[in-house]
């Protein structure tokens, strides 16, 4: 049997072996986000992650990457953001890292529609931890994966 999840008679069934981990290193540019999402969507589909769950994962990972690009590096495209995802024992885990400067997040009421990335990550994932310091920021996301999502 292959890796990830398998479709059988229209139902999603967990396979015994997880998909190979996903790994990407992108330049700290907003233009890198769409290709990353496309690659990640293919990986999630190949792993058999239900589409609604995959959509949530794409939003959460995208927010973490956008924050690294904007807040960690100030859009300095010569820097890198690393993205890793893996499946293990019915759980999807993601880690997004930058080595940029850490600033304590704050919501500015004048910035309508902004400052909600952390709230989205918390709402869409079972776990969303952000650890920052002088070395940069690591975001760890987790989500239980079941056939029903």
C-alpha atoms as a PDB file:
ATOM      1  CA  UNK A   1       0.000   0.000   0.000  1.00  0.00           C
ATOM      2  CA  UNK A   2       1.182   3.558  -0.663  1.00  0.00           C
ATOM      3  CA  UNK A   3       1.648   6.446   1.688  1.00  0.00           C
ATOM      4  CA  UNK A   4      -0.867   8.870   3.248  1.00  0.00           C
ATOM      5  CA  UNK A   5      -4.601   8.372   2.932  1.00  0.00           C
ATOM      6  CA  UNK A   6      -6.464   6.259   0.399  1.00  0.00           C
ATOM      7  CA  UNK A   7      -9.832   6.747  -1.302  1.00  0.00           C
ATOM      8  CA  UNK A   8     -11.934   3.581  -1.331  1.00  0.00           C
ATOM      9  CA  UNK A   9     -15.454   3.579  -2.766  1.00  0.00           C
ATOM     10  CA  UNK A  10     -15.724   7.349  -2.276  1.00  0.00           C
ATOM     11  CA  UNK A  11     -14.677   7.249   1.383  1.00  0.00           C
ATOM     12  CA  UNK A  12     -11.394   8.528   2.781  1.00  0.00           C
ATOM     13  CA  UNK A  13      -9.510   5.851   4.683  1.00  0.00           C
ATOM     14  CA  UNK A  14      -6.328   6.381   6.684  1.00  0.00           C
ATOM     15  CA  UNK A  15      -3.437   4.325   5.410  1.00  0.00           C
ATOM     16  CA  UNK A  16      -1.010   2.751   7.822  1.00  0.00           C
ATOM     17  CA  UNK A  17       1.991   4.803   6.631  1.00  0.00           C
ATOM     18  CA  UNK A  18       2.025   8.614   6.549  1.00  0.00           C
ATOM     19  CA  UNK A  19       2.953  10.701   3.536  1.00  0.00           C
ATOM     20  CA  UNK A  20       6.564  11.826   3.234  1.00  0.00           C
ATOM     21  CA  UNK A  21       7.167  15.131   4.997  1.00  0.00           C
ATOM     22  CA  UNK A  22       6.709  18.366   3.090  1.00  0.00           C
ATOM     23  CA  UNK A  23       9.646  20.762   3.156  1.00  0.00           C
ATOM     24  CA  UNK A  24      10.078  24.141   1.498  1.00  0.00           C
ATOM     25  CA  UNK A  25      12.394  27.073   1.930  1.00  0.00           C
ATOM     26  CA  UNK A  26      11.017  30.260   0.403  1.00  0.00           C
ATOM     27  CA  UNK A  27      12.436  33.731  -0.063  1.00  0.00           C
ATOM     28  CA  UNK A  28      10.887  36.324   2.252  1.00  0.00           C
ATOM     29  CA  UNK A  29       8.739  37.807  -0.506  1.00  0.00           C
ATOM     30  CA  UNK A  30       4.952  37.930  -0.671  1.00  0.00           C
ATOM     31  CA  UNK A  31       5.146  36.613  -4.250  1.00  0.00           C
ATOM     32  CA  UNK A  32       6.448  33.301  -2.875  1.00  0.00           C
ATOM     33  CA  UNK A  33       3.188  32.562  -1.019  1.00  0.00           C
ATOM     34  CA  UNK A  34       1.006  31.497  -3.968  1.00  0.00           C
ATOM     35  CA  UNK A  35       3.520  28.929  -5.317  1.00  0.00           C
ATOM     36  CA  UNK A  36       4.040  27.622  -1.767  1.00  0.00           C
ATOM     37  CA  UNK A  37       0.267  27.190  -1.314  1.00  0.00           C
ATOM     38  CA  UNK A  38       0.033  25.361  -4.662  1.00  0.00           C
ATOM     39  CA  UNK A  39       2.837  22.953  -3.698  1.00  0.00           C
ATOM     40  CA  UNK A  40       1.360  22.434  -0.261  1.00  0.00           C
ATOM     41  CA  UNK A  41      -2.145  21.850  -1.675  1.00  0.00           C
ATOM     42  CA  UNK A  42      -0.725  19.107  -3.949  1.00  0.00           C
ATOM     43  CA  UNK A  43       1.067  17.498  -0.993  1.00  0.00           C
ATOM     44  CA  UNK A  44      -2.077  17.572   1.170  1.00  0.00           C
ATOM     45  CA  UNK A  45      -4.167  16.093  -1.662  1.00  0.00           C
ATOM     46  CA  UNK A  46      -1.595  13.358  -2.335  1.00  0.00           C
ATOM     47  CA  UNK A  47      -1.624  12.542   1.381  1.00  0.00           C
ATOM     48  CA  UNK A  48      -5.422  12.267   1.233  1.00  0.00           C
ATOM     49  CA  UNK A  49      -6.086  15.062   3.697  1.00  0.00           C
ATOM     50  CA  UNK A  50      -9.787  15.955   3.387  1.00  0.00           C
ATOM     51  CA  UNK A  51     -10.290  19.106   1.311  1.00  0.00           C
ATOM     52  CA  UNK A  52     -11.961  21.157   4.059  1.00  0.00           C
ATOM     53  CA  UNK A  53      -9.118  20.349   6.460  1.00  0.00           C
ATOM     54  CA  UNK A  54      -6.567  21.115   3.738  1.00  0.00           C
ATOM     55  CA  UNK A  55      -8.194  24.518   3.223  1.00  0.00           C
ATOM     56  CA  UNK A  56      -7.823  25.295   6.953  1.00  0.00           C
ATOM     57  CA  UNK A  57      -4.194  24.160   6.936  1.00  0.00           C
ATOM     58  CA  UNK A  58      -3.423  26.298   3.881  1.00  0.00           C
ATOM     59  CA  UNK A  59      -4.856  29.408   5.544  1.00  0.00           C
ATOM     60  CA  UNK A  60      -3.040  28.794   8.850  1.00  0.00           C
ATOM     61  CA  UNK A  61       0.327  28.030   7.219  1.00  0.00           C
ATOM     62  CA  UNK A  62      -0.127  30.967   4.850  1.00  0.00           C
ATOM     63  CA  UNK A  63      -0.744  33.322   7.772  1.00  0.00           C
ATOM     64  CA  UNK A  64       2.354  32.067   9.591  1.00  0.00           C
ATOM     65  CA  UNK A  65       4.473  32.540   6.457  1.00  0.00           C
ATOM     66  CA  UNK A  66       3.043  35.990   5.744  1.00  0.00           C
ATOM     67  CA  UNK A  67       3.830  37.026   9.317  1.00  0.00           C
ATOM     68  CA  UNK A  68       7.409  35.763   8.981  1.00  0.00           C
ATOM     69  CA  UNK A  69       7.850  37.673   5.715  1.00  0.00           C
ATOM     70  CA  UNK A  70       6.348  40.916   6.989  1.00  0.00           C
ATOM     71  CA  UNK A  71       7.176  41.005  10.678  1.00  0.00           C
ATOM     72  CA  UNK A  72      10.241  38.778  10.902  1.00  0.00           C
ATOM     73  CA  UNK A  73      12.065  40.153   7.891  1.00  0.00           C
ATOM     74  CA  UNK A  74      10.276  43.340   6.851  1.00  0.00           C
ATOM     75  CA  UNK A  75       9.860  41.910   3.329  1.00  0.00           C
ATOM     76  CA  UNK A  76      13.647  41.395   2.951  1.00  0.00           C
ATOM     77  CA  UNK A  77      13.581  38.922   0.063  1.00  0.00           C
ATOM     78  CA  UNK A  78      17.179  37.862   0.635  1.00  0.00           C
ATOM     79  CA  UNK A  79      16.077  36.029   3.809  1.00  0.00           C
ATOM     80  CA  UNK A  80      14.407  32.576   3.989  1.00  0.00           C
ATOM     81  CA  UNK A  81      11.319  31.108   5.638  1.00  0.00           C
ATOM     82  CA  UNK A  82      11.309  27.341   6.145  1.00  0.00           C
ATOM     83  CA  UNK A  83       8.102  25.330   6.111  1.00  0.00           C
ATOM     84  CA  UNK A  84       7.814  21.696   7.184  1.00  0.00           C
ATOM     85  CA  UNK A  85       4.704  19.533   7.490  1.00  0.00           C
ATOM     86  CA  UNK A  86       4.328  15.880   8.340  1.00  0.00           C
ATOM     87  CA  UNK A  87       1.653  13.350   9.175  1.00  0.00           C
ATOM     88  CA  UNK A  88       2.017  10.937  12.064  1.00  0.00           C
ATOM     89  CA  UNK A  89      -0.532   8.846  13.934  1.00  0.00           C
ATOM     90  CA  UNK A  90      -3.585  10.659  12.576  1.00  0.00           C
ATOM     91  CA  UNK A  91      -2.141  14.124  13.176  1.00  0.00           C
ATOM     92  CA  UNK A  92      -0.779  16.753  10.882  1.00  0.00           C
ATOM     93  CA  UNK A  93       2.025  18.907  12.266  1.00  0.00           C
ATOM     94  CA  UNK A  94       3.533  22.027  10.727  1.00  0.00           C
ATOM     95  CA  UNK A  95       6.527  24.140  11.626  1.00  0.00           C
ATOM     96  CA  UNK A  96       7.222  27.537  10.085  1.00  0.00           C
ATOM     97  CA  UNK A  97      10.530  29.221  10.964  1.00  0.00           C
ATOM     98  CA  UNK A  98      12.278  32.493  10.337  1.00  0.00           C
ATOM     99  CA  UNK A  99      15.472  33.927  11.761  1.00  0.00           C
ATOM    100  CA  UNK A 100      14.291  37.523  11.635  1.00  0.00           C
ATOM    101  CA  UNK A 101      13.721  40.008  14.421  1.00  0.00           C
ATOM    102  CA  UNK A 102      11.049  39.274  17.004  1.00  0.00           C
ATOM    103  CA  UNK A 103       8.618  41.957  18.059  1.00  0.00           C
ATOM    104  CA  UNK A 104       5.775  41.414  20.469  1.00  0.00           C
ATOM    105  CA  UNK A 105       2.553  41.219  18.422  1.00  0.00           C
ATOM    106  CA  UNK A 106       0.042  43.987  18.963  1.00  0.00           C
ATOM    107  CA  UNK A 107      -3.233  44.855  17.349  1.00  0.00           C
ATOM    108  CA  UNK A 108      -3.610  48.423  16.156  1.00  0.00           C
ATOM    109  CA  UNK A 109      -7.306  49.352  16.043  1.00  0.00           C
ATOM    110  CA  UNK A 110      -6.545  51.732  13.144  1.00  0.00           C
ATOM    111  CA  UNK A 111      -5.343  48.851  10.956  1.00  0.00           C
ATOM    112  CA  UNK A 112      -8.770  47.549   9.963  1.00  0.00           C
ATOM    113  CA  UNK A 113      -8.712  43.977   8.745  1.00  0.00           C
ATOM    114  CA  UNK A 114      -5.147  43.352   9.907  1.00  0.00           C
ATOM    115  CA  UNK A 115      -3.631  41.692  12.957  1.00  0.00           C
ATOM    116  CA  UNK A 116      -5.856  38.622  12.848  1.00  0.00           C
ATOM    117  CA  UNK A 117      -3.367  35.986  11.696  1.00  0.00           C
ATOM    118  CA  UNK A 118      -2.818  34.518  15.137  1.00  0.00           C
ATOM    119  CA  UNK A 119      -6.569  34.417  15.763  1.00  0.00           C
ATOM    120  CA  UNK A 120      -7.063  32.545  12.466  1.00  0.00           C
ATOM    121  CA  UNK A 121      -4.320  30.034  13.276  1.00  0.00           C
ATOM    122  CA  UNK A 122      -5.885  29.389  16.691  1.00  0.00           C
ATOM    123  CA  UNK A 123      -9.366  28.964  15.198  1.00  0.00           C
ATOM    124  CA  UNK A 124      -8.371  26.697  12.299  1.00  0.00           C
ATOM    125  CA  UNK A 125      -5.903  24.403  14.034  1.00  0.00           C
ATOM    126  CA  UNK A 126      -6.091  22.264  17.179  1.00  0.00           C
ATOM    127  CA  UNK A 127      -2.730  23.667  18.281  1.00  0.00           C
ATOM    128  CA  UNK A 128      -1.037  26.936  17.355  1.00  0.00           C
ATOM    129  CA  UNK A 129       2.078  27.904  19.290  1.00  0.00           C
ATOM    130  CA  UNK A 130       4.316  30.866  18.522  1.00  0.00           C
ATOM    131  CA  UNK A 131       7.758  31.038  20.083  1.00  0.00           C
ATOM    132  CA  UNK A 132       9.887  34.085  19.362  1.00  0.00           C
ATOM    133  CA  UNK A 133      13.169  35.485  20.530  1.00  0.00           C
ATOM    134  CA  UNK A 134      16.414  36.973  19.293  1.00  0.00           C
ATOM    135  CA  UNK A 135      16.936  33.905  17.051  1.00  0.00           C
ATOM    136  CA  UNK A 136      13.668  34.522  15.178  1.00  0.00           C
ATOM    137  CA  UNK A 137      10.243  32.925  15.368  1.00  0.00           C
ATOM    138  CA  UNK A 138       8.972  29.364  15.182  1.00  0.00           C
ATOM    139  CA  UNK A 139       5.273  28.672  14.668  1.00  0.00           C
ATOM    140  CA  UNK A 140       4.086  25.137  15.421  1.00  0.00           C
ATOM    141  CA  UNK A 141       0.654  24.090  14.221  1.00  0.00           C
ATOM    142  CA  UNK A 142      -1.178  20.823  14.801  1.00  0.00           C
ATOM    143  CA  UNK A 143      -4.418  19.323  13.575  1.00  0.00           C
ATOM    144  CA  UNK A 144      -6.032  15.938  14.063  1.00  0.00           C
ATOM    145  CA  UNK A 145      -6.775  14.299  10.725  1.00  0.00           C
ATOM    146  CA  UNK A 146      -9.708  11.925  10.468  1.00  0.00           C
ATOM    147  CA  UNK A 147     -11.592  10.665   7.433  1.00  0.00           C
ATOM    148  CA  UNK A 148     -14.418  13.079   8.236  1.00  0.00           C
ATOM    149  CA  UNK A 149     -11.970  15.944   8.817  1.00  0.00           C
END
